[in-house]
């Protein structure tokens, strides 16, 4: 039975990317070696890394003002690395509190400078994106979480700001067009939208580095990794290769314009059924609904278990909601085909016929 992978992460990858990876695991480019065995300083891997960087530049129309880094440690390591590299003790960073990941990043940043909460949606269990707040001009930068996997919200319009953004885009990177020049740093764990777990992509403006007063550990200095092109230490070779393939796939599918249109179609299809079906209810305000993680609950608690059983019979996996929200969460990242969303919609309709 075909599986329809709605897991929030590690998440679905394009079929052609998996096929090419499978081949490279046995024999990479006719070398007689696995991609996992080759030196990270070999010309073959250097080509992979340079191609991945160029793909990022091509897709985002990224200028040479920015460095493209492939690091380890997950996006959680960037919670403190951004603050360590950008924020002095007497300076203040503004945070938009939109849930778990914003709170974790805020906690880490507070160890290196002052934290100012611009606005929060905690009052309604993070079911909306705050709007209409004021951003003081004396902030060093504003930290945002563009998409919230747990509660299912997404920033659809970037707030007006007199200072630059730093943004955690782990769960919606390369899913839509973004105004890159408004950001000092963009970071994203690959495992939700562009690759497997094990590599974190960081885009950073080179001219903002090296300006804090603290003495940073070598491995935690962005400048270290910029100067060594992400190879100061052995980089995660296989995850970078898979990410390169996924970026190839994005380019071949119309770039960000094509991917964004696909994502909008899938999200519109699913949310239309959530709103139509009398047995389910969305958990997020309509204008802030994520195109990556659709969260919804059954109107009758005793329907949760049988609906999950219906999903299992249809080959749907990873649909159970996060424990803090409950219900269901359909993660419909870039690689999710519309056909899988259609299967979920059909299951919801069949469930209505039997339980409505």
C-alpha atoms as a PDB file:
ATOM      1  CA  UNK A   1       0.000   0.000   0.000  1.00  0.00           C
ATOM      2  CA  UNK A   2       1.245   3.480  -0.881  1.00  0.00           C
ATOM      3  CA  UNK A   3       2.021   5.561   2.192  1.00  0.00           C
ATOM      4  CA  UNK A   4       0.976   9.198   2.422  1.00  0.00           C
ATOM      5  CA  UNK A   5       3.545  10.846   4.683  1.00  0.00           C
ATOM      6  CA  UNK A   6       2.124  13.701   6.759  1.00  0.00           C
ATOM      7  CA  UNK A   7       4.829  13.622   9.439  1.00  0.00           C
ATOM      8  CA  UNK A   8       5.986  17.042  10.669  1.00  0.00           C
ATOM      9  CA  UNK A   9       9.676  16.166  10.480  1.00  0.00           C
ATOM     10  CA  UNK A  10      11.804  14.430   9.472  1.00  0.00           C
ATOM     11  CA  UNK A  11       9.397  14.697   6.612  1.00  0.00           C
ATOM     12  CA  UNK A  12       8.620  13.703   3.061  1.00  0.00           C
ATOM     13  CA  UNK A  13      11.216  14.005   0.293  1.00  0.00           C
ATOM     14  CA  UNK A  14      10.631  14.033  -3.482  1.00  0.00           C
ATOM     15  CA  UNK A  15      10.597  10.550  -4.999  1.00  0.00           C
ATOM     16  CA  UNK A  16      13.291  11.380  -7.542  1.00  0.00           C
ATOM     17  CA  UNK A  17      15.540  12.701  -4.786  1.00  0.00           C
ATOM     18  CA  UNK A  18      15.224   9.441  -2.873  1.00  0.00           C
ATOM     19  CA  UNK A  19      15.961   7.439  -6.019  1.00  0.00           C
ATOM     20  CA  UNK A  20      19.111   9.422  -6.835  1.00  0.00           C
ATOM     21  CA  UNK A  21      20.244   9.197  -3.225  1.00  0.00           C
ATOM     22  CA  UNK A  22      19.747   5.452  -3.210  1.00  0.00           C
ATOM     23  CA  UNK A  23      22.016   5.128  -6.234  1.00  0.00           C
ATOM     24  CA  UNK A  24      24.659   7.439  -4.727  1.00  0.00           C
ATOM     25  CA  UNK A  25      24.699   5.399  -1.527  1.00  0.00           C
ATOM     26  CA  UNK A  26      26.138   2.491  -3.500  1.00  0.00           C
ATOM     27  CA  UNK A  27      28.253   4.236  -6.135  1.00  0.00           C
ATOM     28  CA  UNK A  28      28.647   7.997  -6.310  1.00  0.00           C
ATOM     29  CA  UNK A  29      29.428   9.294  -9.791  1.00  0.00           C
ATOM     30  CA  UNK A  30      31.159   6.101 -10.833  1.00  0.00           C
ATOM     31  CA  UNK A  31      33.796   6.395  -8.112  1.00  0.00           C
ATOM     32  CA  UNK A  32      33.110   2.907  -6.774  1.00  0.00           C
ATOM     33  CA  UNK A  33      32.471   4.544  -3.395  1.00  0.00           C
ATOM     34  CA  UNK A  34      29.350   5.545  -1.512  1.00  0.00           C
ATOM     35  CA  UNK A  35      28.576   9.244  -1.100  1.00  0.00           C
ATOM     36  CA  UNK A  36      28.937   8.445   2.620  1.00  0.00           C
ATOM     37  CA  UNK A  37      32.549   7.331   2.150  1.00  0.00           C
ATOM     38  CA  UNK A  38      34.125  10.110   0.097  1.00  0.00           C
ATOM     39  CA  UNK A  39      36.312  12.829   1.548  1.00  0.00           C
ATOM     40  CA  UNK A  40      34.664  16.123   2.293  1.00  0.00           C
ATOM     41  CA  UNK A  41      37.705  17.728   0.661  1.00  0.00           C
ATOM     42  CA  UNK A  42      37.485  15.673  -2.527  1.00  0.00           C
ATOM     43  CA  UNK A  43      36.714  17.514  -5.784  1.00  0.00           C
ATOM     44  CA  UNK A  44      33.540  15.447  -6.090  1.00  0.00           C
ATOM     45  CA  UNK A  45      32.107  16.677  -2.802  1.00  0.00           C
ATOM     46  CA  UNK A  46      33.408  20.203  -3.354  1.00  0.00           C
ATOM     47  CA  UNK A  47      31.284  20.217  -6.501  1.00  0.00           C
ATOM     48  CA  UNK A  48      28.250  19.032  -4.527  1.00  0.00           C
ATOM     49  CA  UNK A  49      28.709  21.743  -1.912  1.00  0.00           C
ATOM     50  CA  UNK A  50      29.299  24.508  -4.453  1.00  0.00           C
ATOM     51  CA  UNK A  51      26.261  23.356  -6.447  1.00  0.00           C
ATOM     52  CA  UNK A  52      24.083  23.397  -3.328  1.00  0.00           C
ATOM     53  CA  UNK A  53      25.221  26.934  -2.500  1.00  0.00           C
ATOM     54  CA  UNK A  54      24.599  28.084  -6.055  1.00  0.00           C
ATOM     55  CA  UNK A  55      21.139  26.517  -6.014  1.00  0.00           C
ATOM     56  CA  UNK A  56      20.288  28.540  -2.915  1.00  0.00           C
ATOM     57  CA  UNK A  57      21.507  31.711  -4.611  1.00  0.00           C
ATOM     58  CA  UNK A  58      19.582  30.960  -7.807  1.00  0.00           C
ATOM     59  CA  UNK A  59      16.305  30.089  -6.085  1.00  0.00           C
ATOM     60  CA  UNK A  60      16.319  33.056  -3.683  1.00  0.00           C
ATOM     61  CA  UNK A  61      18.070  35.488  -6.051  1.00  0.00           C
ATOM     62  CA  UNK A  62      20.600  35.868  -3.265  1.00  0.00           C
ATOM     63  CA  UNK A  63      23.373  38.438  -3.673  1.00  0.00           C
ATOM     64  CA  UNK A  64      27.023  38.055  -2.696  1.00  0.00           C
ATOM     65  CA  UNK A  65      26.271  40.153   0.396  1.00  0.00           C
ATOM     66  CA  UNK A  66      25.108  36.891   1.973  1.00  0.00           C
ATOM     67  CA  UNK A  67      27.045  33.761   2.860  1.00  0.00           C
ATOM     68  CA  UNK A  68      25.338  30.379   2.509  1.00  0.00           C
ATOM     69  CA  UNK A  69      26.363  27.970   5.263  1.00  0.00           C
ATOM     70  CA  UNK A  70      25.590  24.303   5.861  1.00  0.00           C
ATOM     71  CA  UNK A  71      26.123  23.579   9.556  1.00  0.00           C
ATOM     72  CA  UNK A  72      25.233  20.961  12.149  1.00  0.00           C
ATOM     73  CA  UNK A  73      23.419  21.221  15.468  1.00  0.00           C
ATOM     74  CA  UNK A  74      19.916  21.767  14.136  1.00  0.00           C
ATOM     75  CA  UNK A  75      17.969  25.010  14.144  1.00  0.00           C
ATOM     76  CA  UNK A  76      18.037  24.904  17.947  1.00  0.00           C
ATOM     77  CA  UNK A  77      21.766  25.661  17.849  1.00  0.00           C
ATOM     78  CA  UNK A  78      20.940  28.826  15.925  1.00  0.00           C
ATOM     79  CA  UNK A  79      18.796  30.058  18.815  1.00  0.00           C
ATOM     80  CA  UNK A  80      22.021  30.936  20.619  1.00  0.00           C
ATOM     81  CA  UNK A  81      24.419  31.328  17.689  1.00  0.00           C
ATOM     82  CA  UNK A  82      22.414  34.227  16.261  1.00  0.00           C
ATOM     83  CA  UNK A  83      22.423  36.060  19.590  1.00  0.00           C
ATOM     84  CA  UNK A  84      26.084  35.270  20.307  1.00  0.00           C
ATOM     85  CA  UNK A  85      27.190  36.628  16.943  1.00  0.00           C
ATOM     86  CA  UNK A  86      24.868  39.639  16.648  1.00  0.00           C
ATOM     87  CA  UNK A  87      23.889  40.893  20.108  1.00  0.00           C
ATOM     88  CA  UNK A  88      26.019  42.625  22.747  1.00  0.00           C
ATOM     89  CA  UNK A  89      25.076  42.539  26.440  1.00  0.00           C
ATOM     90  CA  UNK A  90      23.758  46.103  26.440  1.00  0.00           C
ATOM     91  CA  UNK A  91      21.690  45.645  23.277  1.00  0.00           C
ATOM     92  CA  UNK A  92      18.098  44.449  22.855  1.00  0.00           C
ATOM     93  CA  UNK A  93      16.456  42.031  20.443  1.00  0.00           C
ATOM     94  CA  UNK A  94      12.714  42.100  19.812  1.00  0.00           C
ATOM     95  CA  UNK A  95      10.766  38.829  19.697  1.00  0.00           C
ATOM     96  CA  UNK A  96       7.377  37.956  18.281  1.00  0.00           C
ATOM     97  CA  UNK A  97       6.086  35.241  20.613  1.00  0.00           C
ATOM     98  CA  UNK A  98       4.197  32.807  18.404  1.00  0.00           C
ATOM     99  CA  UNK A  99       4.777  29.562  20.267  1.00  0.00           C
ATOM    100  CA  UNK A 100       7.240  26.914  21.383  1.00  0.00           C
ATOM    101  CA  UNK A 101      10.106  27.662  19.006  1.00  0.00           C
ATOM    102  CA  UNK A 102       9.971  31.411  19.577  1.00  0.00           C
ATOM    103  CA  UNK A 103      10.027  30.843  23.337  1.00  0.00           C
ATOM    104  CA  UNK A 104      13.029  28.525  23.113  1.00  0.00           C
ATOM    105  CA  UNK A 105      14.925  31.002  20.950  1.00  0.00           C
ATOM    106  CA  UNK A 106      14.002  33.819  23.308  1.00  0.00           C
ATOM    107  CA  UNK A 107      15.351  31.894  26.298  1.00  0.00           C
ATOM    108  CA  UNK A 108      18.716  31.404  24.605  1.00  0.00           C
ATOM    109  CA  UNK A 109      18.990  35.010  23.390  1.00  0.00           C
ATOM    110  CA  UNK A 110      18.418  36.292  26.929  1.00  0.00           C
ATOM    111  CA  UNK A 111      21.779  34.796  27.913  1.00  0.00           C
ATOM    112  CA  UNK A 112      23.609  37.244  25.632  1.00  0.00           C
ATOM    113  CA  UNK A 113      21.582  40.458  25.682  1.00  0.00           C
ATOM    114  CA  UNK A 114      18.226  41.982  26.491  1.00  0.00           C
ATOM    115  CA  UNK A 115      14.959  40.514  25.190  1.00  0.00           C
ATOM    116  CA  UNK A 116      11.858  42.566  24.450  1.00  0.00           C
ATOM    117  CA  UNK A 117       8.596  40.787  23.626  1.00  0.00           C
ATOM    118  CA  UNK A 118       6.898  42.818  20.917  1.00  0.00           C
ATOM    119  CA  UNK A 119       3.635  40.873  20.989  1.00  0.00           C
ATOM    120  CA  UNK A 120       2.342  37.420  21.875  1.00  0.00           C
ATOM    121  CA  UNK A 121      -0.506  35.129  20.890  1.00  0.00           C
ATOM    122  CA  UNK A 122      -0.220  33.056  24.053  1.00  0.00           C
ATOM    123  CA  UNK A 123      -3.586  34.400  25.239  1.00  0.00           C
ATOM    124  CA  UNK A 124      -5.337  32.189  22.668  1.00  0.00           C
ATOM    125  CA  UNK A 125      -2.963  29.222  22.777  1.00  0.00           C
ATOM    126  CA  UNK A 126      -0.944  30.575  19.821  1.00  0.00           C
ATOM    127  CA  UNK A 127      -3.787  30.189  17.334  1.00  0.00           C
ATOM    128  CA  UNK A 128      -3.032  33.462  15.542  1.00  0.00           C
ATOM    129  CA  UNK A 129      -0.155  35.713  14.488  1.00  0.00           C
ATOM    130  CA  UNK A 130      -0.040  39.014  16.435  1.00  0.00           C
ATOM    131  CA  UNK A 131      -0.469  42.144  14.331  1.00  0.00           C
ATOM    132  CA  UNK A 132      -0.503  45.904  14.771  1.00  0.00           C
ATOM    133  CA  UNK A 133       2.358  46.019  17.249  1.00  0.00           C
ATOM    134  CA  UNK A 134       5.078  48.682  17.277  1.00  0.00           C
ATOM    135  CA  UNK A 135       8.742  47.878  16.728  1.00  0.00           C
ATOM    136  CA  UNK A 136      11.078  50.298  18.558  1.00  0.00           C
ATOM    137  CA  UNK A 137      13.915  51.769  16.531  1.00  0.00           C
ATOM    138  CA  UNK A 138      16.464  51.077  19.270  1.00  0.00           C
ATOM    139  CA  UNK A 139      16.307  47.295  18.831  1.00  0.00           C
ATOM    140  CA  UNK A 140      19.333  45.548  17.345  1.00  0.00           C
ATOM    141  CA  UNK A 141      17.093  43.251  15.318  1.00  0.00           C
ATOM    142  CA  UNK A 142      13.739  41.425  15.436  1.00  0.00           C
ATOM    143  CA  UNK A 143      13.569  37.646  15.675  1.00  0.00           C
ATOM    144  CA  UNK A 144      10.660  35.866  13.980  1.00  0.00           C
ATOM    145  CA  UNK A 145       9.536  32.270  13.547  1.00  0.00           C
ATOM    146  CA  UNK A 146       7.957  32.259  10.118  1.00  0.00           C
ATOM    147  CA  UNK A 147       5.962  29.047  10.475  1.00  0.00           C
ATOM    148  CA  UNK A 148       4.884  27.218  13.603  1.00  0.00           C
ATOM    149  CA  UNK A 149       4.712  23.461  13.158  1.00  0.00           C
ATOM    150  CA  UNK A 150       2.993  22.718  16.463  1.00  0.00           C
ATOM    151  CA  UNK A 151       0.084  25.144  16.380  1.00  0.00           C
ATOM    152  CA  UNK A 152      -0.178  25.570  12.605  1.00  0.00           C
ATOM    153  CA  UNK A 153       0.278  29.328  12.119  1.00  0.00           C
ATOM    154  CA  UNK A 154       2.366  31.126   9.509  1.00  0.00           C
ATOM    155  CA  UNK A 155       3.404  34.727   8.972  1.00  0.00           C
ATOM    156  CA  UNK A 156       1.724  35.714   5.717  1.00  0.00           C
ATOM    157  CA  UNK A 157       2.705  39.388   5.723  1.00  0.00           C
ATOM    158  CA  UNK A 158       6.033  40.518   7.122  1.00  0.00           C
ATOM    159  CA  UNK A 159       5.600  43.324   9.681  1.00  0.00           C
ATOM    160  CA  UNK A 160       6.862  46.826   9.015  1.00  0.00           C
ATOM    161  CA  UNK A 161      10.105  47.353  10.875  1.00  0.00           C
ATOM    162  CA  UNK A 162      12.845  49.973  11.180  1.00  0.00           C
ATOM    163  CA  UNK A 163      15.370  47.237  12.061  1.00  0.00           C
ATOM    164  CA  UNK A 164      16.430  44.014  10.298  1.00  0.00           C
ATOM    165  CA  UNK A 165      14.914  40.560  10.801  1.00  0.00           C
ATOM    166  CA  UNK A 166      16.469  37.324  11.961  1.00  0.00           C
ATOM    167  CA  UNK A 167      14.195  34.416  11.165  1.00  0.00           C
ATOM    168  CA  UNK A 168      13.786  30.733  11.920  1.00  0.00           C
ATOM    169  CA  UNK A 169      12.346  29.365   8.656  1.00  0.00           C
ATOM    170  CA  UNK A 170      12.853  25.695   9.452  1.00  0.00           C
ATOM    171  CA  UNK A 171       9.408  24.570   8.368  1.00  0.00           C
ATOM    172  CA  UNK A 172       8.647  26.826   5.399  1.00  0.00           C
ATOM    173  CA  UNK A 173      12.000  27.630   3.806  1.00  0.00           C
ATOM    174  CA  UNK A 174      11.797  27.541  -0.033  1.00  0.00           C
ATOM    175  CA  UNK A 175       7.998  27.226   0.097  1.00  0.00           C
ATOM    176  CA  UNK A 176       7.296  30.767  -1.156  1.00  0.00           C
ATOM    177  CA  UNK A 177       8.922  34.007  -2.211  1.00  0.00           C
ATOM    178  CA  UNK A 178      10.455  36.098   0.583  1.00  0.00           C
ATOM    179  CA  UNK A 179      12.015  39.590   0.759  1.00  0.00           C
ATOM    180  CA  UNK A 180      15.509  38.287   1.520  1.00  0.00           C
ATOM    181  CA  UNK A 181      17.093  41.736   1.748  1.00  0.00           C
ATOM    182  CA  UNK A 182      15.065  42.481   4.894  1.00  0.00           C
ATOM    183  CA  UNK A 183      16.863  39.738   6.828  1.00  0.00           C
ATOM    184  CA  UNK A 184      20.253  39.663   8.514  1.00  0.00           C
ATOM    185  CA  UNK A 185      20.068  35.929   9.146  1.00  0.00           C
ATOM    186  CA  UNK A 186      17.751  33.169   7.953  1.00  0.00           C
ATOM    187  CA  UNK A 187      18.228  29.698   9.388  1.00  0.00           C
ATOM    188  CA  UNK A 188      16.451  26.420   8.813  1.00  0.00           C
ATOM    189  CA  UNK A 189      16.821  22.798   9.793  1.00  0.00           C
ATOM    190  CA  UNK A 190      16.675  20.850   6.540  1.00  0.00           C
ATOM    191  CA  UNK A 191      14.493  17.990   7.749  1.00  0.00           C
ATOM    192  CA  UNK A 192      11.109  19.539   7.057  1.00  0.00           C
ATOM    193  CA  UNK A 193      11.367  20.986   3.565  1.00  0.00           C
ATOM    194  CA  UNK A 194      14.759  20.611   1.903  1.00  0.00           C
ATOM    195  CA  UNK A 195      16.531  17.471   3.068  1.00  0.00           C
ATOM    196  CA  UNK A 196      17.108  14.916   5.834  1.00  0.00           C
ATOM    197  CA  UNK A 197      17.930  15.583   9.448  1.00  0.00           C
ATOM    198  CA  UNK A 198      21.564  16.414  10.110  1.00  0.00           C
ATOM    199  CA  UNK A 199      22.200  19.708   8.320  1.00  0.00           C
ATOM    200  CA  UNK A 200      21.077  23.247   9.042  1.00  0.00           C
ATOM    201  CA  UNK A 201      21.176  25.938   6.382  1.00  0.00           C
ATOM    202  CA  UNK A 202      22.130  29.459   7.469  1.00  0.00           C
ATOM    203  CA  UNK A 203      22.025  32.567   5.286  1.00  0.00           C
ATOM    204  CA  UNK A 204      23.889  35.458   6.881  1.00  0.00           C
ATOM    205  CA  UNK A 205      24.850  38.949   5.787  1.00  0.00           C
ATOM    206  CA  UNK A 206      28.627  39.034   5.832  1.00  0.00           C
ATOM    207  CA  UNK A 207      28.925  42.718   6.753  1.00  0.00           C
ATOM    208  CA  UNK A 208      27.248  42.280  10.164  1.00  0.00           C
ATOM    209  CA  UNK A 209      29.729  39.717  11.467  1.00  0.00           C
ATOM    210  CA  UNK A 210      32.572  40.265  13.891  1.00  0.00           C
ATOM    211  CA  UNK A 211      31.012  43.301  15.573  1.00  0.00           C
ATOM    212  CA  UNK A 212      30.137  41.974  19.034  1.00  0.00           C
ATOM    213  CA  UNK A 213      32.508  42.553  21.933  1.00  0.00           C
ATOM    214  CA  UNK A 214      32.525  39.019  23.336  1.00  0.00           C
ATOM    215  CA  UNK A 215      35.201  36.452  22.502  1.00  0.00           C
ATOM    216  CA  UNK A 216      33.365  33.647  20.728  1.00  0.00           C
ATOM    217  CA  UNK A 217      34.425  29.985  20.620  1.00  0.00           C
ATOM    218  CA  UNK A 218      35.854  29.227  17.190  1.00  0.00           C
ATOM    219  CA  UNK A 219      33.128  26.769  16.205  1.00  0.00           C
ATOM    220  CA  UNK A 220      30.371  29.206  17.216  1.00  0.00           C
ATOM    221  CA  UNK A 221      31.637  32.116  15.108  1.00  0.00           C
ATOM    222  CA  UNK A 222      29.788  32.540  11.831  1.00  0.00           C
ATOM    223  CA  UNK A 223      32.963  34.072  10.396  1.00  0.00           C
ATOM    224  CA  UNK A 224      34.770  30.777  10.943  1.00  0.00           C
ATOM    225  CA  UNK A 225      32.342  28.949   8.719  1.00  0.00           C
ATOM    226  CA  UNK A 226      32.108  31.730   6.145  1.00  0.00           C
ATOM    227  CA  UNK A 227      35.889  31.791   5.754  1.00  0.00           C
ATOM    228  CA  UNK A 228      36.086  27.996   5.393  1.00  0.00           C
ATOM    229  CA  UNK A 229      33.006  27.612   3.162  1.00  0.00           C
ATOM    230  CA  UNK A 230      31.221  25.338   5.670  1.00  0.00           C
ATOM    231  CA  UNK A 231      34.206  22.964   5.844  1.00  0.00           C
ATOM    232  CA  UNK A 232      36.046  24.134   8.974  1.00  0.00           C
ATOM    233  CA  UNK A 233      35.262  20.693  10.336  1.00  0.00           C
ATOM    234  CA  UNK A 234      33.839  17.699   8.477  1.00  0.00           C
ATOM    235  CA  UNK A 235      30.409  18.745   7.218  1.00  0.00           C
ATOM    236  CA  UNK A 236      27.417  16.357   7.037  1.00  0.00           C
ATOM    237  CA  UNK A 237      28.209  15.078   3.547  1.00  0.00           C
ATOM    238  CA  UNK A 238      25.135  12.930   2.892  1.00  0.00           C
ATOM    239  CA  UNK A 239      22.528  15.447   4.154  1.00  0.00           C
ATOM    240  CA  UNK A 240      24.154  18.214   2.092  1.00  0.00           C
ATOM    241  CA  UNK A 241      24.036  15.987  -0.992  1.00  0.00           C
ATOM    242  CA  UNK A 242      20.329  15.230  -0.462  1.00  0.00           C
ATOM    243  CA  UNK A 243      19.658  18.924   0.103  1.00  0.00           C
ATOM    244  CA  UNK A 244      21.444  19.729  -3.161  1.00  0.00           C
ATOM    245  CA  UNK A 245      19.206  17.225  -4.965  1.00  0.00           C
ATOM    246  CA  UNK A 246      16.076  18.705  -3.363  1.00  0.00           C
ATOM    247  CA  UNK A 247      17.103  22.191  -4.454  1.00  0.00           C
ATOM    248  CA  UNK A 248      17.608  20.800  -7.981  1.00  0.00           C
ATOM    249  CA  UNK A 249      14.045  19.494  -7.761  1.00  0.00           C
ATOM    250  CA  UNK A 250      12.701  22.892  -6.672  1.00  0.00           C
ATOM    251  CA  UNK A 251      14.417  24.577  -9.616  1.00  0.00           C
ATOM    252  CA  UNK A 252      13.013  22.000 -12.042  1.00  0.00           C
ATOM    253  CA  UNK A 253       9.499  22.582 -10.691  1.00  0.00           C
ATOM    254  CA  UNK A 254       9.320  26.286 -11.431  1.00  0.00           C
ATOM    255  CA  UNK A 255      11.393  27.630  -8.561  1.00  0.00           C
ATOM    256  CA  UNK A 256       9.652  29.462  -5.739  1.00  0.00           C
ATOM    257  CA  UNK A 257       6.792  30.653  -7.952  1.00  0.00           C
ATOM    258  CA  UNK A 258       5.970  27.095  -8.984  1.00  0.00           C
ATOM    259  CA  UNK A 259       6.391  25.652  -5.505  1.00  0.00           C
ATOM    260  CA  UNK A 260       4.290  28.397  -3.915  1.00  0.00           C
ATOM    261  CA  UNK A 261       1.440  27.762  -6.357  1.00  0.00           C
ATOM    262  CA  UNK A 262       1.566  24.027  -5.575  1.00  0.00           C
ATOM    263  CA  UNK A 263       1.554  24.670  -1.853  1.00  0.00           C
ATOM    264  CA  UNK A 264      -1.350  27.087  -2.035  1.00  0.00           C
ATOM    265  CA  UNK A 265      -3.398  24.604  -4.048  1.00  0.00           C
ATOM    266  CA  UNK A 266      -2.810  21.808  -1.522  1.00  0.00           C
ATOM    267  CA  UNK A 267      -3.557  24.011   1.484  1.00  0.00           C
ATOM    268  CA  UNK A 268      -6.707  25.457  -0.093  1.00  0.00           C
ATOM    269  CA  UNK A 269      -7.956  21.941  -0.871  1.00  0.00           C
ATOM    270  CA  UNK A 270      -7.478  20.705   2.678  1.00  0.00           C
ATOM    271  CA  UNK A 271      -8.740  23.797   4.487  1.00  0.00           C
ATOM    272  CA  UNK A 272     -11.854  23.864   2.302  1.00  0.00           C
ATOM    273  CA  UNK A 273     -12.706  20.360   3.511  1.00  0.00           C
ATOM    274  CA  UNK A 274     -11.936  21.205   7.144  1.00  0.00           C
ATOM    275  CA  UNK A 275     -14.331  24.155   6.930  1.00  0.00           C
ATOM    276  CA  UNK A 276     -17.016  22.219   5.047  1.00  0.00           C
ATOM    277  CA  UNK A 277     -16.996  18.995   7.042  1.00  0.00           C
ATOM    278  CA  UNK A 278     -19.277  19.199  10.128  1.00  0.00           C
ATOM    279  CA  UNK A 279     -17.147  16.681  12.034  1.00  0.00           C
ATOM    280  CA  UNK A 280     -13.941  18.758  12.081  1.00  0.00           C
ATOM    281  CA  UNK A 281     -12.833  22.222  13.076  1.00  0.00           C
ATOM    282  CA  UNK A 282      -9.657  24.156  12.292  1.00  0.00           C
ATOM    283  CA  UNK A 283      -7.675  25.398  15.269  1.00  0.00           C
ATOM    284  CA  UNK A 284      -6.144  28.544  13.749  1.00  0.00           C
ATOM    285  CA  UNK A 285      -7.627  31.872  12.669  1.00  0.00           C
ATOM    286  CA  UNK A 286      -8.236  31.645   8.922  1.00  0.00           C
ATOM    287  CA  UNK A 287      -5.910  34.498   7.899  1.00  0.00           C
ATOM    288  CA  UNK A 288      -2.963  32.937   9.755  1.00  0.00           C
ATOM    289  CA  UNK A 289      -3.336  29.317   8.685  1.00  0.00           C
ATOM    290  CA  UNK A 290      -0.098  27.627   7.735  1.00  0.00           C
ATOM    291  CA  UNK A 291       0.320  26.202   4.255  1.00  0.00           C
ATOM    292  CA  UNK A 292       2.827  23.768   5.720  1.00  0.00           C
ATOM    293  CA  UNK A 293       1.057  22.392   8.820  1.00  0.00           C
ATOM    294  CA  UNK A 294      -2.739  22.254   8.849  1.00  0.00           C
ATOM    295  CA  UNK A 295      -4.078  21.650  12.361  1.00  0.00           C
ATOM    296  CA  UNK A 296      -7.653  20.573  13.066  1.00  0.00           C
ATOM    297  CA  UNK A 297      -9.627  18.718  15.728  1.00  0.00           C
ATOM    298  CA  UNK A 298     -12.733  16.515  15.795  1.00  0.00           C
ATOM    299  CA  UNK A 299     -15.809  18.210  17.175  1.00  0.00           C
ATOM    300  CA  UNK A 300     -16.487  15.045  19.176  1.00  0.00           C
ATOM    301  CA  UNK A 301     -13.543  13.727  21.185  1.00  0.00           C
ATOM    302  CA  UNK A 302     -14.604  10.114  20.742  1.00  0.00           C
ATOM    303  CA  UNK A 303     -14.107  10.514  16.988  1.00  0.00           C
ATOM    304  CA  UNK A 304     -10.352  10.952  17.253  1.00  0.00           C
ATOM    305  CA  UNK A 305      -9.401   7.288  17.555  1.00  0.00           C
ATOM    306  CA  UNK A 306     -11.714   5.967  14.798  1.00  0.00           C
ATOM    307  CA  UNK A 307     -10.604   8.727  12.412  1.00  0.00           C
ATOM    308  CA  UNK A 308      -6.975   7.796  12.960  1.00  0.00           C
ATOM    309  CA  UNK A 309      -7.938   4.189  12.194  1.00  0.00           C
ATOM    310  CA  UNK A 310      -9.550   5.331   8.936  1.00  0.00           C
ATOM    311  CA  UNK A 311      -6.311   7.124   8.079  1.00  0.00           C
ATOM    312  CA  UNK A 312      -4.200   4.031   8.756  1.00  0.00           C
ATOM    313  CA  UNK A 313      -6.383   1.948   6.422  1.00  0.00           C
ATOM    314  CA  UNK A 314      -5.853   4.546   3.683  1.00  0.00           C
ATOM    315  CA  UNK A 315      -2.066   4.508   4.104  1.00  0.00           C
ATOM    316  CA  UNK A 316      -1.973   7.911   5.824  1.00  0.00           C
ATOM    317  CA  UNK A 317       0.813   8.230   8.413  1.00  0.00           C
ATOM    318  CA  UNK A 318       1.955  11.041  10.709  1.00  0.00           C
ATOM    319  CA  UNK A 319      -1.451  12.715  10.973  1.00  0.00           C
ATOM    320  CA  UNK A 320      -1.811  12.742  14.770  1.00  0.00           C
ATOM    321  CA  UNK A 321      -1.582  16.243  16.231  1.00  0.00           C
ATOM    322  CA  UNK A 322       1.061  17.480  18.639  1.00  0.00           C
ATOM    323  CA  UNK A 323       0.246  16.620  22.256  1.00  0.00           C
ATOM    324  CA  UNK A 324      -0.112  20.309  23.197  1.00  0.00           C
ATOM    325  CA  UNK A 325      -2.833  20.863  20.569  1.00  0.00           C
ATOM    326  CA  UNK A 326      -4.395  17.439  20.130  1.00  0.00           C
ATOM    327  CA  UNK A 327      -6.488  16.358  17.196  1.00  0.00           C
ATOM    328  CA  UNK A 328      -4.725  16.151  13.867  1.00  0.00           C
ATOM    329  CA  UNK A 329      -1.872  17.817  12.012  1.00  0.00           C
ATOM    330  CA  UNK A 330      -1.335  17.391   8.289  1.00  0.00           C
ATOM    331  CA  UNK A 331       2.150  18.520   7.316  1.00  0.00           C
ATOM    332  CA  UNK A 332       1.984  19.317   3.608  1.00  0.00           C
ATOM    333  CA  UNK A 333       5.520  20.401   2.808  1.00  0.00           C
ATOM    334  CA  UNK A 334       6.936  21.077  -0.648  1.00  0.00           C
ATOM    335  CA  UNK A 335       7.387  17.425  -1.586  1.00  0.00           C
ATOM    336  CA  UNK A 336       3.858  16.400  -0.576  1.00  0.00           C
ATOM    337  CA  UNK A 337       1.940  15.595  -3.797  1.00  0.00           C
ATOM    338  CA  UNK A 338      -1.573  16.935  -4.200  1.00  0.00           C
ATOM    339  CA  UNK A 339      -2.749  13.349  -4.628  1.00  0.00           C
ATOM    340  CA  UNK A 340      -1.938  12.583  -1.001  1.00  0.00           C
ATOM    341  CA  UNK A 341      -3.954  15.586   0.164  1.00  0.00           C
ATOM    342  CA  UNK A 342      -6.826  14.360  -1.985  1.00  0.00           C
ATOM    343  CA  UNK A 343      -6.631  10.970  -0.253  1.00  0.00           C
ATOM    344  CA  UNK A 344      -6.894  12.679   3.141  1.00  0.00           C
ATOM    345  CA  UNK A 345      -9.867  14.729   1.970  1.00  0.00           C
ATOM    346  CA  UNK A 346     -11.583  11.564   0.723  1.00  0.00           C
ATOM    347  CA  UNK A 347     -11.010   9.892   4.098  1.00  0.00           C
ATOM    348  CA  UNK A 348     -12.566  12.894   5.851  1.00  0.00           C
ATOM    349  CA  UNK A 349     -15.601  12.691   3.582  1.00  0.00           C
ATOM    350  CA  UNK A 350     -15.975   8.953   4.079  1.00  0.00           C
ATOM    351  CA  UNK A 351     -15.686   9.425   7.818  1.00  0.00           C
ATOM    352  CA  UNK A 352     -18.490  11.990   7.643  1.00  0.00           C
ATOM    353  CA  UNK A 353     -20.723   9.506   5.831  1.00  0.00           C
ATOM    354  CA  UNK A 354     -20.187   6.877   8.506  1.00  0.00           C
ATOM    355  CA  UNK A 355     -20.188   9.068  11.622  1.00  0.00           C
ATOM    356  CA  UNK A 356     -22.098  12.192  10.635  1.00  0.00           C
END
